[in-house]
Amino acid sequence: MKEWTNIQYICYVLLLLIIGFKIAESEKTKYTIIHPGLIAIISLALLGGMLCVPYYAMGNFGEGRIENVIWVSYMLLTAVNIIYLTVWIIQRKGIAVNKRNVAFNSFFIFILCIILGITGNGKDGNSVGMSAMNELMTGGAPKYAWYCDERYRLMRESDEEYIYVDRLPESELLKFDDLRGNPNDWRSSIWMQYYGRCVLTNE
């Protein structure tokens, strides 16, 4: 929870508060019965249970794909808890919701979330939005796209079984890994199985 609580998460919570106010001001919303503390305990138990399954089987909390599933569950449980808590407090305390103020604050929070979402810290301490804009402004993204398109063009037009291409340029956001010059490397063999061409890089 400490790792996932960042500026983007705070923006997410602020947007959930807006939804909670909108639901609370509706006359169709029924009176909340269950205490929000109980929902929080159940949510933590669910997250703990999801973490215990891979830890019991493998001795660790699992790979990134398992963490992604738990992260999505964490976001959904956050939405349930924040919205329910907001509605519960407003109904229990009898707080009158001013629709005009809610609309104004909603607009303000929405703009604030966009700004913080663009400039906020990513997982590695860098803003994903700012990194993307930097790639576009410096020409890194178009350069990467050109090399990638050229690779696919050569693969479509060549009749050779082995195709040699240039390595993709370094990119902070777009590049995860690249092919190798060894035809026995698993990256090249996978391309051979899928495309019917063995694509190798000039190393």
N, C-alpha and C. Protein backbone atom coordinates (compact mmCIF):
# COMPACT_ATOMS: atom_id res chain seq x y z
N MET A 1 0.83 -1.21 0.00
CA MET A 1 0.00 0.00 0.00
C MET A 1 0.86 1.26 0.00
N LYS A 2 2.00 1.18 0.70
CA LYS A 2 2.91 2.33 0.71
C LYS A 2 3.49 2.57 -0.67
N GLU A 3 3.81 1.50 -1.39
CA GLU A 3 4.39 1.63 -2.73
C GLU A 3 3.37 2.20 -3.71
N TRP A 4 2.10 1.84 -3.57
CA TRP A 4 1.07 2.24 -4.52
C TRP A 4 0.43 3.59 -4.17
N THR A 5 0.74 4.13 -2.99
CA THR A 5 0.16 5.42 -2.60
C THR A 5 1.09 6.54 -3.09
N ASN A 6 0.76 7.10 -4.25
CA ASN A 6 1.55 8.18 -4.82
C ASN A 6 0.61 9.32 -5.23
N ILE A 7 1.11 10.27 -6.00
CA ILE A 7 0.31 11.42 -6.38
C ILE A 7 -0.87 10.99 -7.24
N GLN A 8 -0.65 10.05 -8.15
CA GLN A 8 -1.75 9.57 -8.99
C GLN A 8 -2.85 8.92 -8.15
N TYR A 9 -2.45 8.19 -7.11
CA TYR A 9 -3.44 7.55 -6.25
C TYR A 9 -4.25 8.59 -5.49
N ILE A 10 -3.59 9.65 -5.04
CA ILE A 10 -4.30 10.72 -4.34
C ILE A 10 -5.30 11.40 -5.27
N CYS A 11 -4.92 11.61 -6.53
CA CYS A 11 -5.85 12.16 -7.52
C CYS A 11 -7.04 11.23 -7.70
N TYR A 12 -6.77 9.95 -7.72
CA TYR A 12 -7.83 8.95 -7.86
C TYR A 12 -8.81 9.04 -6.69
N VAL A 13 -8.28 9.20 -5.48
CA VAL A 13 -9.13 9.32 -4.29
C VAL A 13 -9.98 10.60 -4.36
N LEU A 14 -9.39 11.70 -4.83
CA LEU A 14 -10.15 12.95 -4.95
C LEU A 14 -11.31 12.80 -5.93
N LEU A 15 -11.06 12.12 -7.03
CA LEU A 15 -12.13 11.88 -8.00
C LEU A 15 -13.22 10.98 -7.42
N LEU A 16 -12.82 10.02 -6.59
CA LEU A 16 -13.80 9.16 -5.93
C LEU A 16 -14.65 9.94 -4.95
N LEU A 17 -14.07 10.94 -4.30
CA LEU A 17 -14.85 11.80 -3.39
C LEU A 17 -15.94 12.54 -4.15
N ILE A 18 -15.63 12.98 -5.36
CA ILE A 18 -16.63 13.65 -6.20
C ILE A 18 -17.80 12.71 -6.48
N ILE A 19 -17.46 11.47 -6.84
CA ILE A 19 -18.51 10.48 -7.11
C ILE A 19 -19.33 10.22 -5.85
N GLY A 20 -18.66 10.15 -4.70
CA GLY A 20 -19.36 9.93 -3.45
C GLY A 20 -20.34 11.05 -3.14
N PHE A 21 -19.95 12.29 -3.36
CA PHE A 21 -20.85 13.43 -3.14
C PHE A 21 -22.03 13.38 -4.10
N LYS A 22 -21.76 13.00 -5.35
CA LYS A 22 -22.83 12.91 -6.34
C LYS A 22 -23.86 11.85 -5.94
N ILE A 23 -23.38 10.72 -5.44
CA ILE A 23 -24.28 9.66 -5.02
C ILE A 23 -25.06 10.08 -3.78
N ALA A 24 -24.38 10.75 -2.85
CA ALA A 24 -25.03 11.15 -1.60
C ALA A 24 -26.14 12.17 -1.81
N GLU A 25 -25.98 13.03 -2.82
CA GLU A 25 -26.99 14.06 -3.06
C GLU A 25 -28.23 13.52 -3.76
N SER A 26 -28.15 12.29 -4.27
CA SER A 26 -29.29 11.69 -4.94
C SER A 26 -30.33 11.24 -3.92
N GLU A 27 -31.57 11.51 -4.18
CA GLU A 27 -32.66 11.11 -3.28
C GLU A 27 -32.91 9.61 -3.33
N LYS A 28 -32.43 8.94 -4.36
CA LYS A 28 -32.64 7.51 -4.51
C LYS A 28 -31.66 6.69 -3.66
N THR A 29 -30.63 7.35 -3.12
CA THR A 29 -29.64 6.63 -2.33
C THR A 29 -30.23 6.22 -0.99
N LYS A 30 -30.18 4.93 -0.69
CA LYS A 30 -30.75 4.42 0.55
C LYS A 30 -29.79 4.67 1.70
N TYR A 31 -30.34 4.60 2.90
CA TYR A 31 -29.53 4.85 4.09
C TYR A 31 -28.50 3.75 4.27
N THR A 32 -27.27 4.12 4.54
CA THR A 32 -26.20 3.15 4.72
C THR A 32 -26.30 2.51 6.09
N ILE A 33 -26.14 1.19 6.14
CA ILE A 33 -26.31 0.45 7.38
C ILE A 33 -24.98 -0.06 7.91
N ILE A 34 -24.20 -0.69 7.04
CA ILE A 34 -22.94 -1.30 7.46
C ILE A 34 -21.92 -0.22 7.80
N HIS A 35 -21.19 -0.41 8.89
CA HIS A 35 -20.17 0.55 9.29
C HIS A 35 -18.99 0.48 8.30
N PRO A 36 -18.47 1.64 7.85
CA PRO A 36 -17.36 1.61 6.88
C PRO A 36 -16.10 0.94 7.40
N GLY A 37 -15.93 0.90 8.73
CA GLY A 37 -14.77 0.20 9.29
C GLY A 37 -14.79 -1.27 8.99
N LEU A 38 -15.99 -1.86 9.00
CA LEU A 38 -16.12 -3.29 8.68
C LEU A 38 -15.77 -3.55 7.22
N ILE A 39 -16.19 -2.65 6.33
CA ILE A 39 -15.86 -2.81 4.91
C ILE A 39 -14.35 -2.69 4.71
N ALA A 40 -13.71 -1.79 5.46
CA ALA A 40 -12.25 -1.64 5.35
C ALA A 40 -11.54 -2.91 5.81
N ILE A 41 -12.01 -3.52 6.90
CA ILE A 41 -11.40 -4.75 7.41
C ILE A 41 -11.56 -5.88 6.40
N ILE A 42 -12.75 -6.00 5.81
CA ILE A 42 -12.98 -7.03 4.80
C ILE A 42 -12.08 -6.80 3.58
N SER A 43 -11.92 -5.54 3.18
CA SER A 43 -11.07 -5.22 2.03
C SER A 43 -9.62 -5.60 2.29
N LEU A 44 -9.12 -5.29 3.50
CA LEU A 44 -7.74 -5.66 3.84
C LEU A 44 -7.58 -7.18 3.90
N ALA A 45 -8.61 -7.87 4.37
CA ALA A 45 -8.55 -9.33 4.41
C ALA A 45 -8.49 -9.92 3.01
N LEU A 46 -9.26 -9.33 2.08
CA LEU A 46 -9.23 -9.80 0.69
C LEU A 46 -7.86 -9.58 0.07
N LEU A 47 -7.26 -8.40 0.29
CA LEU A 47 -5.94 -8.13 -0.26
C LEU A 47 -4.90 -9.07 0.35
N GLY A 48 -4.99 -9.28 1.68
CA GLY A 48 -4.07 -10.20 2.33
C GLY A 48 -4.20 -11.61 1.80
N GLY A 49 -5.44 -12.03 1.57
CA GLY A 49 -5.67 -13.37 1.01
C GLY A 49 -5.10 -13.52 -0.38
N MET A 50 -5.23 -12.47 -1.20
CA MET A 50 -4.68 -12.52 -2.56
C MET A 50 -3.16 -12.60 -2.55
N LEU A 51 -2.53 -11.96 -1.56
CA LEU A 51 -1.07 -12.00 -1.46
C LEU A 51 -0.59 -13.34 -0.90
N CYS A 52 -1.41 -13.94 -0.03
CA CYS A 52 -0.98 -15.19 0.61
C CYS A 52 -0.96 -16.37 -0.36
N VAL A 53 -1.84 -16.36 -1.36
CA VAL A 53 -1.91 -17.50 -2.29
C VAL A 53 -0.60 -17.70 -3.04
N PRO A 54 -0.05 -16.67 -3.75
CA PRO A 54 1.24 -16.91 -4.43
C PRO A 54 2.39 -17.11 -3.45
N TYR A 55 2.32 -16.46 -2.27
CA TYR A 55 3.41 -16.62 -1.31
C TYR A 55 3.45 -18.05 -0.77
N TYR A 56 2.29 -18.64 -0.54
CA TYR A 56 2.24 -20.02 -0.05
C TYR A 56 2.73 -21.00 -1.12
N ALA A 57 2.41 -20.71 -2.38
CA ALA A 57 2.77 -21.64 -3.46
C ALA A 57 4.22 -21.50 -3.90
N MET A 58 4.74 -20.26 -3.94
CA MET A 58 6.06 -20.02 -4.54
C MET A 58 7.08 -19.44 -3.57
N GLY A 59 6.66 -19.04 -2.39
CA GLY A 59 7.60 -18.45 -1.45
C GLY A 59 7.83 -16.97 -1.67
N ASN A 60 7.10 -16.37 -2.62
CA ASN A 60 7.19 -14.93 -2.84
C ASN A 60 5.80 -14.44 -3.27
N PHE A 61 5.69 -13.15 -3.48
CA PHE A 61 4.38 -12.56 -3.80
C PHE A 61 4.05 -12.60 -5.29
N GLY A 62 4.84 -13.32 -6.09
CA GLY A 62 4.50 -13.51 -7.48
C GLY A 62 5.15 -12.51 -8.41
N GLU A 63 5.01 -12.79 -9.71
CA GLU A 63 5.58 -11.94 -10.74
C GLU A 63 4.72 -10.69 -10.94
N GLY A 64 5.16 -9.87 -11.91
CA GLY A 64 4.48 -8.61 -12.16
C GLY A 64 3.02 -8.76 -12.56
N ARG A 65 2.72 -9.82 -13.33
CA ARG A 65 1.34 -10.01 -13.77
C ARG A 65 0.41 -10.30 -12.59
N ILE A 66 0.93 -10.99 -11.55
CA ILE A 66 0.12 -11.22 -10.35
C ILE A 66 -0.04 -9.93 -9.58
N GLU A 67 1.03 -9.16 -9.51
CA GLU A 67 0.96 -7.86 -8.83
C GLU A 67 -0.03 -6.94 -9.53
N ASN A 68 -0.11 -7.01 -10.86
CA ASN A 68 -1.07 -6.18 -11.59
C ASN A 68 -2.50 -6.51 -11.22
N VAL A 69 -2.80 -7.81 -11.07
CA VAL A 69 -4.15 -8.22 -10.68
C VAL A 69 -4.48 -7.70 -9.28
N ILE A 70 -3.52 -7.81 -8.38
CA ILE A 70 -3.74 -7.33 -7.01
C ILE A 70 -3.88 -5.81 -7.00
N TRP A 71 -3.11 -5.13 -7.85
CA TRP A 71 -3.21 -3.67 -7.92
C TRP A 71 -4.59 -3.23 -8.40
N VAL A 72 -5.12 -3.91 -9.43
CA VAL A 72 -6.46 -3.57 -9.91
C VAL A 72 -7.49 -3.82 -8.81
N SER A 73 -7.34 -4.91 -8.08
CA SER A 73 -8.25 -5.19 -6.96
C SER A 73 -8.14 -4.11 -5.89
N TYR A 74 -6.92 -3.65 -5.66
CA TYR A 74 -6.70 -2.57 -4.68
C TYR A 74 -7.40 -1.28 -5.11
N MET A 75 -7.35 -0.99 -6.40
CA MET A 75 -8.03 0.20 -6.91
C MET A 75 -9.55 0.07 -6.77
N LEU A 76 -10.08 -1.10 -7.08
CA LEU A 76 -11.53 -1.32 -6.97
C LEU A 76 -11.99 -1.25 -5.52
N LEU A 77 -11.23 -1.86 -4.62
CA LEU A 77 -11.58 -1.82 -3.20
C LEU A 77 -11.45 -0.41 -2.65
N THR A 78 -10.48 0.34 -3.15
CA THR A 78 -10.37 1.75 -2.76
C THR A 78 -11.62 2.53 -3.15
N ALA A 79 -12.09 2.28 -4.37
CA ALA A 79 -13.30 2.96 -4.84
C ALA A 79 -14.49 2.63 -3.96
N VAL A 80 -14.67 1.36 -3.62
CA VAL A 80 -15.79 0.94 -2.77
C VAL A 80 -15.71 1.62 -1.41
N ASN A 81 -14.51 1.62 -0.81
CA ASN A 81 -14.35 2.18 0.53
C ASN A 81 -14.53 3.69 0.57
N ILE A 82 -13.91 4.40 -0.37
CA ILE A 82 -13.98 5.86 -0.36
C ILE A 82 -15.40 6.35 -0.64
N ILE A 83 -16.04 5.77 -1.65
CA ILE A 83 -17.40 6.20 -1.99
C ILE A 83 -18.37 5.88 -0.86
N TYR A 84 -18.26 4.68 -0.31
CA TYR A 84 -19.18 4.31 0.77
C TYR A 84 -18.96 5.17 2.00
N LEU A 85 -17.69 5.42 2.34
CA LEU A 85 -17.38 6.25 3.52
C LEU A 85 -17.93 7.66 3.34
N THR A 86 -17.79 8.21 2.14
CA THR A 86 -18.30 9.56 1.88
C THR A 86 -19.81 9.61 2.05
N VAL A 87 -20.51 8.67 1.45
CA VAL A 87 -21.98 8.63 1.56
C VAL A 87 -22.39 8.40 3.01
N TRP A 88 -21.69 7.52 3.71
CA TRP A 88 -22.02 7.20 5.11
C TRP A 88 -21.89 8.44 6.00
N ILE A 89 -20.79 9.18 5.84
CA ILE A 89 -20.58 10.38 6.67
C ILE A 89 -21.64 11.43 6.39
N ILE A 90 -21.93 11.66 5.11
CA ILE A 90 -22.92 12.69 4.76
C ILE A 90 -24.31 12.32 5.29
N GLN A 91 -24.68 11.05 5.19
CA GLN A 91 -26.00 10.64 5.66
C GLN A 91 -26.08 10.59 7.17
N ARG A 92 -25.04 10.08 7.81
CA ARG A 92 -25.04 9.96 9.27
C ARG A 92 -25.02 11.33 9.94
N LYS A 93 -24.22 12.24 9.43
CA LYS A 93 -24.09 13.56 10.04
C LYS A 93 -25.15 14.53 9.54
N GLY A 94 -25.94 14.10 8.55
CA GLY A 94 -26.98 14.97 8.03
C GLY A 94 -26.43 16.20 7.33
N ILE A 95 -25.28 16.05 6.67
CA ILE A 95 -24.64 17.18 5.99
C ILE A 95 -25.43 17.51 4.72
N ALA A 96 -25.77 18.78 4.59
CA ALA A 96 -26.48 19.23 3.39
C ALA A 96 -25.48 19.45 2.27
N VAL A 97 -25.72 18.81 1.14
CA VAL A 97 -24.82 18.90 -0.01
C VAL A 97 -25.27 20.04 -0.90
N ASN A 98 -24.41 21.04 -1.04
CA ASN A 98 -24.69 22.16 -1.92
C ASN A 98 -24.26 21.77 -3.33
N LYS A 99 -25.23 21.62 -4.22
CA LYS A 99 -24.93 21.15 -5.57
C LYS A 99 -24.02 22.11 -6.32
N ARG A 100 -24.20 23.41 -6.10
CA ARG A 100 -23.37 24.39 -6.80
C ARG A 100 -21.92 24.28 -6.34
N ASN A 101 -21.71 24.15 -5.02
CA ASN A 101 -20.35 24.01 -4.51
C ASN A 101 -19.70 22.70 -4.95
N VAL A 102 -20.52 21.65 -4.98
CA VAL A 102 -19.99 20.36 -5.43
C VAL A 102 -19.55 20.43 -6.88
N ALA A 103 -20.37 21.09 -7.71
CA ALA A 103 -20.02 21.21 -9.12
C ALA A 103 -18.74 22.01 -9.30
N PHE A 104 -18.61 23.12 -8.55
CA PHE A 104 -17.41 23.96 -8.65
C PHE A 104 -16.18 23.20 -8.16
N ASN A 105 -16.30 22.56 -6.99
CA ASN A 105 -15.16 21.81 -6.45
C ASN A 105 -14.81 20.62 -7.33
N SER A 106 -15.82 20.02 -7.94
CA SER A 106 -15.57 18.89 -8.83
C SER A 106 -14.73 19.33 -10.02
N PHE A 107 -15.08 20.48 -10.60
CA PHE A 107 -14.32 21.01 -11.73
C PHE A 107 -12.89 21.34 -11.31
N PHE A 108 -12.74 21.96 -10.14
CA PHE A 108 -11.42 22.33 -9.65
C PHE A 108 -10.57 21.09 -9.40
N ILE A 109 -11.14 20.07 -8.75
CA ILE A 109 -10.40 18.85 -8.46
C ILE A 109 -10.05 18.11 -9.75
N PHE A 110 -10.96 18.14 -10.72
CA PHE A 110 -10.70 17.47 -11.99
C PHE A 110 -9.50 18.10 -12.70
N ILE A 111 -9.44 19.43 -12.74
CA ILE A 111 -8.31 20.11 -13.36
C ILE A 111 -7.03 19.83 -12.58
N LEU A 112 -7.12 19.84 -11.25
CA LEU A 112 -5.96 19.57 -10.42
C LEU A 112 -5.43 18.16 -10.66
N CYS A 113 -6.35 17.19 -10.81
CA CYS A 113 -5.93 15.81 -11.05
C CYS A 113 -5.22 15.66 -12.39
N ILE A 114 -5.69 16.39 -13.41
CA ILE A 114 -5.04 16.33 -14.71
C ILE A 114 -3.61 16.87 -14.61
N ILE A 115 -3.45 18.00 -13.91
CA ILE A 115 -2.12 18.61 -13.76
C ILE A 115 -1.18 17.69 -12.98
N LEU A 116 -1.67 17.19 -11.84
CA LEU A 116 -0.83 16.32 -11.02
C LEU A 116 -0.58 14.98 -11.71
N GLY A 117 -1.56 14.50 -12.48
CA GLY A 117 -1.37 13.25 -13.19
C GLY A 117 -0.28 13.34 -14.24
N ILE A 118 -0.15 14.52 -14.85
CA ILE A 118 0.88 14.71 -15.87
C ILE A 118 2.25 14.91 -15.24
N THR A 119 2.29 15.68 -14.16
CA THR A 119 3.57 16.04 -13.56
C THR A 119 3.94 15.20 -12.36
N GLY A 120 3.06 14.28 -11.95
CA GLY A 120 3.31 13.50 -10.76
C GLY A 120 4.39 12.46 -10.96
N ASN A 121 4.81 11.86 -9.86
CA ASN A 121 5.89 10.87 -9.90
C ASN A 121 5.37 9.52 -10.35
N GLY A 122 6.14 8.88 -11.22
CA GLY A 122 5.82 7.53 -11.64
C GLY A 122 6.47 6.53 -10.70
N LYS A 123 6.50 5.25 -11.10
CA LYS A 123 7.02 4.20 -10.25
C LYS A 123 8.51 4.37 -9.99
N ASP A 124 9.25 4.84 -10.99
CA ASP A 124 10.70 5.01 -10.86
C ASP A 124 11.09 6.43 -10.48
N GLY A 125 10.12 7.24 -10.04
CA GLY A 125 10.41 8.60 -9.65
C GLY A 125 10.31 9.59 -10.77
N ASN A 126 10.01 9.13 -11.99
CA ASN A 126 9.87 10.02 -13.14
C ASN A 126 8.42 10.09 -13.57
N SER A 127 8.02 11.25 -14.02
CA SER A 127 6.64 11.42 -14.49
C SER A 127 6.48 10.75 -15.84
N VAL A 128 5.50 9.87 -15.95
CA VAL A 128 5.23 9.20 -17.22
C VAL A 128 4.77 10.20 -18.26
N GLY A 129 3.88 11.13 -17.85
CA GLY A 129 3.38 12.13 -18.78
C GLY A 129 4.48 13.05 -19.29
N MET A 130 5.35 13.51 -18.37
CA MET A 130 6.44 14.38 -18.78
C MET A 130 7.45 13.62 -19.64
N SER A 131 7.69 12.35 -19.33
CA SER A 131 8.61 11.55 -20.14
C SER A 131 8.06 11.36 -21.55
N ALA A 132 6.75 11.15 -21.67
CA ALA A 132 6.14 10.99 -22.99
C ALA A 132 6.25 12.28 -23.80
N MET A 133 5.97 13.42 -23.15
CA MET A 133 6.09 14.70 -23.86
C MET A 133 7.54 14.97 -24.26
N ASN A 134 8.48 14.56 -23.41
CA ASN A 134 9.89 14.75 -23.74
C ASN A 134 10.29 13.90 -24.94
N GLU A 135 9.76 12.66 -25.01
CA GLU A 135 10.05 11.79 -26.16
C GLU A 135 9.51 12.40 -27.45
N LEU A 136 8.34 13.01 -27.38
CA LEU A 136 7.75 13.62 -28.58
C LEU A 136 8.50 14.88 -28.99
N MET A 137 8.87 15.72 -28.00
CA MET A 137 9.53 17.00 -28.31
C MET A 137 10.94 16.81 -28.81
N THR A 138 11.66 15.82 -28.29
CA THR A 138 13.05 15.60 -28.69
C THR A 138 13.17 14.70 -29.92
N GLY A 139 12.03 14.16 -30.38
CA GLY A 139 12.06 13.31 -31.57
C GLY A 139 12.35 11.85 -31.30
N GLY A 140 12.41 11.47 -30.02
CA GLY A 140 12.71 10.08 -29.70
C GLY A 140 11.60 9.13 -30.12
N ALA A 141 10.34 9.52 -29.90
CA ALA A 141 9.22 8.66 -30.26
C ALA A 141 9.09 8.49 -31.78
N PRO A 142 9.15 9.57 -32.59
CA PRO A 142 9.11 9.38 -34.05
C PRO A 142 10.27 8.56 -34.58
N LYS A 143 11.44 8.73 -34.00
CA LYS A 143 12.61 7.96 -34.43
C LYS A 143 12.41 6.48 -34.14
N TYR A 144 11.91 6.20 -32.97
CA TYR A 144 11.64 4.81 -32.60
C TYR A 144 10.60 4.20 -33.54
N ALA A 145 9.54 4.98 -33.86
CA ALA A 145 8.48 4.50 -34.75
C ALA A 145 9.02 4.22 -36.15
N TRP A 146 9.93 5.09 -36.63
CA TRP A 146 10.49 4.90 -37.98
C TRP A 146 11.30 3.61 -38.04
N TYR A 147 12.16 3.36 -37.06
CA TYR A 147 12.97 2.15 -37.05
C TYR A 147 12.08 0.91 -36.95
N CYS A 148 11.03 0.99 -36.16
CA CYS A 148 10.13 -0.14 -36.00
C CYS A 148 9.37 -0.41 -37.30
N ASP A 149 8.85 0.65 -37.94
CA ASP A 149 8.14 0.48 -39.22
C ASP A 149 9.07 -0.07 -40.30
N GLU A 150 10.32 0.39 -40.30
CA GLU A 150 11.29 -0.08 -41.28
C GLU A 150 11.57 -1.57 -41.10
N ARG A 151 11.60 -2.00 -39.87
CA ARG A 151 11.81 -3.42 -39.59
C ARG A 151 10.68 -4.27 -40.15
N TYR A 152 9.46 -3.84 -39.95
CA TYR A 152 8.31 -4.58 -40.47
C TYR A 152 8.25 -4.52 -42.00
N ARG A 153 8.68 -3.39 -42.57
CA ARG A 153 8.69 -3.27 -44.03
C ARG A 153 9.67 -4.26 -44.64
N LEU A 154 10.87 -4.35 -44.08
CA LEU A 154 11.85 -5.30 -44.57
C LEU A 154 11.35 -6.73 -44.43
N MET A 155 10.68 -7.02 -43.35
CA MET A 155 10.18 -8.36 -43.13
C MET A 155 9.10 -8.73 -44.15
N ARG A 156 8.26 -7.74 -44.52
CA ARG A 156 7.19 -8.01 -45.50
C ARG A 156 7.73 -8.14 -46.92
N GLU A 157 8.73 -7.33 -47.27
CA GLU A 157 9.19 -7.27 -48.66
C GLU A 157 10.31 -8.25 -48.97
N SER A 158 11.01 -8.72 -47.97
CA SER A 158 12.14 -9.62 -48.23
C SER A 158 11.67 -11.07 -48.32
N ASP A 159 12.34 -11.82 -49.21
CA ASP A 159 12.06 -13.25 -49.35
C ASP A 159 13.09 -14.09 -48.60
N GLU A 160 14.05 -13.43 -47.97
CA GLU A 160 15.10 -14.15 -47.26
C GLU A 160 14.56 -14.72 -45.94
N GLU A 161 15.12 -15.86 -45.57
CA GLU A 161 14.70 -16.45 -44.30
C GLU A 161 15.29 -15.71 -43.13
N TYR A 162 16.52 -15.19 -43.31
CA TYR A 162 17.18 -14.43 -42.26
C TYR A 162 17.26 -12.96 -42.68
N ILE A 163 16.71 -12.10 -41.88
CA ILE A 163 16.67 -10.67 -42.18
C ILE A 163 17.45 -9.94 -41.08
N TYR A 164 18.36 -9.07 -41.52
CA TYR A 164 19.16 -8.31 -40.56
C TYR A 164 18.66 -6.87 -40.53
N VAL A 165 18.40 -6.39 -39.35
CA VAL A 165 17.86 -5.05 -39.16
C VAL A 165 18.70 -4.31 -38.12
N ASP A 166 18.53 -2.99 -38.09
CA ASP A 166 19.21 -2.19 -37.07
C ASP A 166 18.48 -2.33 -35.73
N ARG A 167 19.23 -2.19 -34.68
CA ARG A 167 18.62 -2.23 -33.34
C ARG A 167 17.74 -1.00 -33.14
N LEU A 168 16.69 -1.19 -32.38
CA LEU A 168 15.80 -0.07 -32.09
C LEU A 168 16.52 0.94 -31.20
N PRO A 169 16.30 2.23 -31.41
CA PRO A 169 16.96 3.24 -30.57
C PRO A 169 16.44 3.18 -29.14
N GLU A 170 17.27 3.65 -28.25
CA GLU A 170 16.88 3.65 -26.84
C GLU A 170 15.68 4.57 -26.62
N SER A 171 14.74 4.10 -25.83
CA SER A 171 13.55 4.88 -25.50
C SER A 171 13.18 4.60 -24.06
N GLU A 172 12.95 5.65 -23.31
CA GLU A 172 12.65 5.50 -21.88
C GLU A 172 11.31 4.79 -21.64
N LEU A 173 10.35 5.03 -22.52
CA LEU A 173 9.00 4.50 -22.32
C LEU A 173 8.65 3.36 -23.26
N LEU A 174 9.13 3.41 -24.51
CA LEU A 174 8.65 2.47 -25.52
C LEU A 174 9.43 1.17 -25.56
N LYS A 175 10.69 1.21 -25.26
CA LYS A 175 11.53 0.04 -25.45
C LYS A 175 11.58 -0.80 -24.18
N PHE A 176 11.26 -2.09 -24.32
CA PHE A 176 11.41 -3.03 -23.20
C PHE A 176 12.62 -3.93 -23.43
N ASP A 177 12.68 -4.53 -24.61
CA ASP A 177 13.81 -5.36 -24.99
C ASP A 177 13.84 -5.44 -26.51
N ASP A 178 14.94 -5.93 -27.05
CA ASP A 178 15.06 -5.99 -28.50
C ASP A 178 15.61 -7.35 -28.91
N LEU A 179 15.60 -7.57 -30.21
CA LEU A 179 16.12 -8.83 -30.76
C LEU A 179 17.63 -8.89 -30.62
N ARG A 180 18.19 -10.03 -30.92
CA ARG A 180 19.62 -10.25 -30.85
C ARG A 180 20.13 -10.72 -32.21
N GLY A 181 21.45 -10.79 -32.35
CA GLY A 181 22.04 -11.26 -33.59
C GLY A 181 22.20 -12.77 -33.65
N ASN A 182 21.83 -13.45 -32.59
CA ASN A 182 21.94 -14.91 -32.53
C ASN A 182 20.61 -15.55 -32.93
N PRO A 183 20.58 -16.36 -33.99
CA PRO A 183 19.32 -16.96 -34.43
C PRO A 183 18.74 -17.96 -33.43
N ASN A 184 19.59 -18.43 -32.50
CA ASN A 184 19.11 -19.38 -31.49
C ASN A 184 18.56 -18.70 -30.25
N ASP A 185 18.68 -17.36 -30.22
CA ASP A 185 18.14 -16.63 -29.09
C ASP A 185 16.61 -16.75 -29.09
N TRP A 186 16.02 -16.81 -27.91
CA TRP A 186 14.57 -17.05 -27.82
C TRP A 186 13.76 -15.94 -28.47
N ARG A 187 14.28 -14.71 -28.49
CA ARG A 187 13.56 -13.60 -29.11
C ARG A 187 13.43 -13.82 -30.62
N SER A 188 14.53 -14.22 -31.24
CA SER A 188 14.51 -14.47 -32.69
C SER A 188 13.70 -15.71 -33.03
N SER A 189 13.78 -16.74 -32.21
CA SER A 189 13.03 -17.96 -32.49
C SER A 189 11.53 -17.74 -32.39
N ILE A 190 11.12 -16.88 -31.47
CA ILE A 190 9.69 -16.56 -31.36
C ILE A 190 9.20 -15.83 -32.60
N TRP A 191 10.02 -14.90 -33.12
CA TRP A 191 9.65 -14.21 -34.36
C TRP A 191 9.55 -15.19 -35.52
N MET A 192 10.46 -16.16 -35.53
CA MET A 192 10.44 -17.17 -36.60
C MET A 192 9.16 -17.99 -36.54
N GLN A 193 8.73 -18.35 -35.35
CA GLN A 193 7.51 -19.14 -35.20
C GLN A 193 6.27 -18.34 -35.60
N TYR A 194 6.27 -17.05 -35.29
CA TYR A 194 5.06 -16.25 -35.52
C TYR A 194 5.00 -15.69 -36.94
N TYR A 195 6.13 -15.12 -37.40
CA TYR A 195 6.13 -14.43 -38.70
C TYR A 195 6.68 -15.29 -39.84
N GLY A 196 7.37 -16.38 -39.51
CA GLY A 196 7.99 -17.18 -40.54
C GLY A 196 9.27 -16.57 -41.06
N ARG A 197 9.82 -15.58 -40.36
CA ARG A 197 11.07 -14.93 -40.72
C ARG A 197 11.94 -14.86 -39.48
N CYS A 198 13.21 -15.12 -39.64
CA CYS A 198 14.15 -14.97 -38.53
C CYS A 198 14.78 -13.59 -38.64
N VAL A 199 14.37 -12.69 -37.78
CA VAL A 199 14.84 -11.31 -37.81
C VAL A 199 15.97 -11.18 -36.77
N LEU A 200 17.13 -10.73 -37.27
CA LEU A 200 18.31 -10.57 -36.42
C LEU A 200 18.77 -9.12 -36.49
N THR A 201 19.44 -8.70 -35.45
CA THR A 201 19.95 -7.33 -35.40
C THR A 201 21.41 -7.30 -35.78
N ASN A 202 21.83 -6.18 -36.35
CA ASN A 202 23.24 -5.98 -36.68
C ASN A 202 24.00 -5.63 -35.41
N GLU A 203 24.77 -6.55 -34.90
CA GLU A 203 25.51 -6.31 -33.67
C GLU A 203 27.01 -6.23 -33.96
